[in-house]
Amino acid sequence: MPTNAFAAGTYAAIQNIGVPKGGMPKVASTGGADGGFSQLLTSALDKVGDAGRNADAQALSVAGGKANVVDVVTAVAESETALQTLVAVRDRVISAYEEIMRMQI
């Protein structure tokens, strides 16, 4: 599979992680000035999506002869690292949820 097709598929999949069909649910504010946990997650997802779009843009530029291959490799590596970090955080959240569910009341 070509790198640009892989990157395109990856960020397309990222855009739909955890998003129900009706869009993101509204979460009540906790009163914090920074926007809270939901804002943090939304920001993290946006950054991963942006990294994927950047990798795709670089791949298309190098295909058109307008960019250096090193830039493409760097952008793809950044996208891969962002995706791996997101997956690791997701796994930890799921693990924490499962641990909470095992607690006796």
Protein backbone atom coordinates (compact mmCIF):
# COMPACT_ATOMS: atom_id res chain seq x y z
CA MET A 1 0.00 0.00 0.00
CA PRO A 2 1.48 3.40 -0.95
CA THR A 3 2.39 5.71 1.90
CA ASN A 4 -0.06 8.44 0.89
CA ALA A 5 -2.95 5.95 0.73
CA PHE A 6 -1.99 4.64 4.18
CA ALA A 7 -1.82 8.14 5.62
CA ALA A 8 -5.13 9.09 4.00
CA GLY A 9 -6.83 6.03 5.43
CA THR A 10 -5.30 6.61 8.84
CA TYR A 11 -6.44 10.19 9.28
CA ALA A 12 -9.84 9.39 7.80
CA ALA A 13 -10.22 6.70 10.45
CA ILE A 14 -9.01 9.10 13.15
CA GLN A 15 -11.70 11.59 12.27
CA ASN A 16 -14.35 9.02 13.19
CA ILE A 17 -12.89 7.61 16.42
CA GLY A 18 -15.41 7.86 19.19
CA VAL A 19 -17.78 10.08 17.24
CA PRO A 20 -21.40 8.91 17.26
CA LYS A 21 -23.49 9.31 14.10
CA GLY A 22 -25.17 12.45 15.45
CA GLY A 23 -21.81 14.10 16.18
CA MET A 24 -20.10 14.78 19.48
CA PRO A 25 -22.46 14.86 22.46
CA LYS A 26 -22.69 18.04 24.46
CA VAL A 27 -20.91 17.77 27.80
CA ALA A 28 -21.80 19.98 30.72
CA SER A 29 -19.05 22.37 31.67
CA THR A 30 -17.28 21.80 34.96
CA GLY A 31 -16.82 25.51 35.38
CA GLY A 32 -13.13 25.45 34.46
CA ALA A 33 -11.71 28.21 32.34
CA ASP A 34 -9.72 25.81 30.17
CA GLY A 35 -12.70 23.88 28.76
CA GLY A 36 -12.25 20.65 30.68
CA PHE A 37 -11.55 17.09 29.72
CA SER A 38 -13.76 16.99 26.62
CA GLN A 39 -11.91 20.01 25.20
CA LEU A 40 -8.60 18.27 25.86
CA LEU A 41 -9.72 15.14 24.01
CA THR A 42 -11.13 17.13 21.11
CA SER A 43 -7.88 19.04 20.82
CA ALA A 44 -5.82 15.84 20.87
CA LEU A 45 -7.97 14.28 18.13
CA ASP A 46 -7.69 17.42 16.03
CA LYS A 47 -3.89 17.39 16.35
CA VAL A 48 -3.70 13.76 15.22
CA GLY A 49 -5.96 14.53 12.27
CA ASP A 50 -3.84 17.56 11.38
CA ALA A 51 -0.68 15.44 11.46
CA GLY A 52 -2.30 12.98 9.06
CA ARG A 53 -3.44 15.71 6.71
CA ASN A 54 0.07 17.19 6.77
CA ALA A 55 1.58 13.80 5.88
CA ASP A 56 -0.85 13.47 2.97
CA ALA A 57 -0.09 16.97 1.75
CA GLN A 58 3.65 16.27 1.86
CA ALA A 59 3.18 12.96 0.01
CA LEU A 60 1.18 14.68 -2.72
CA SER A 61 3.79 17.44 -2.97
CA VAL A 62 6.62 14.97 -3.43
CA ALA A 63 4.57 13.09 -6.03
CA GLY A 64 4.25 16.36 -7.92
CA GLY A 65 7.98 17.02 -7.60
CA LYS A 66 7.46 20.03 -5.33
CA ALA A 67 8.83 18.65 -2.04
CA ASN A 68 11.74 16.72 -0.63
CA VAL A 69 11.36 13.05 0.31
CA VAL A 70 12.86 13.81 3.73
CA ASP A 71 9.92 16.13 4.46
CA VAL A 72 7.48 13.33 3.59
CA VAL A 73 9.27 10.82 5.80
CA THR A 74 9.30 13.32 8.67
CA ALA A 75 5.60 14.12 8.27
CA VAL A 76 4.64 10.44 8.09
CA ALA A 77 6.76 9.68 11.17
CA GLU A 78 5.08 12.51 13.08
CA SER A 79 1.67 11.24 12.02
CA GLU A 80 2.54 7.70 13.07
CA THR A 81 3.83 8.88 16.45
CA ALA A 82 0.68 10.92 17.07
CA LEU A 83 -1.50 7.95 16.16
CA GLN A 84 0.48 5.59 18.40
CA THR A 85 0.20 8.04 21.28
CA LEU A 86 -3.55 8.32 20.76
CA VAL A 87 -3.93 4.54 20.73
CA ALA A 88 -1.83 4.22 23.90
CA VAL A 89 -3.99 6.80 25.69
CA ARG A 90 -7.14 5.06 24.48
CA ASP A 91 -5.84 1.74 25.81
CA ARG A 92 -5.09 3.29 29.20
CA VAL A 93 -8.55 4.86 29.40
CA ILE A 94 -10.16 1.52 28.58
CA SER A 95 -7.98 -0.20 31.16
CA ALA A 96 -8.95 2.35 33.81
CA TYR A 97 -12.64 1.94 32.93
CA GLU A 98 -12.40 -1.84 33.19
CA GLU A 99 -10.66 -1.53 36.57
CA ILE A 100 -13.39 0.78 37.86
CA MET A 101 -16.06 -1.66 36.65
CA ARG A 102 -14.37 -4.50 38.59
CA MET A 103 -14.56 -2.54 41.86
CA GLN A 104 -17.09 -3.81 44.33
CA ILE A 105 -19.68 -1.39 45.60
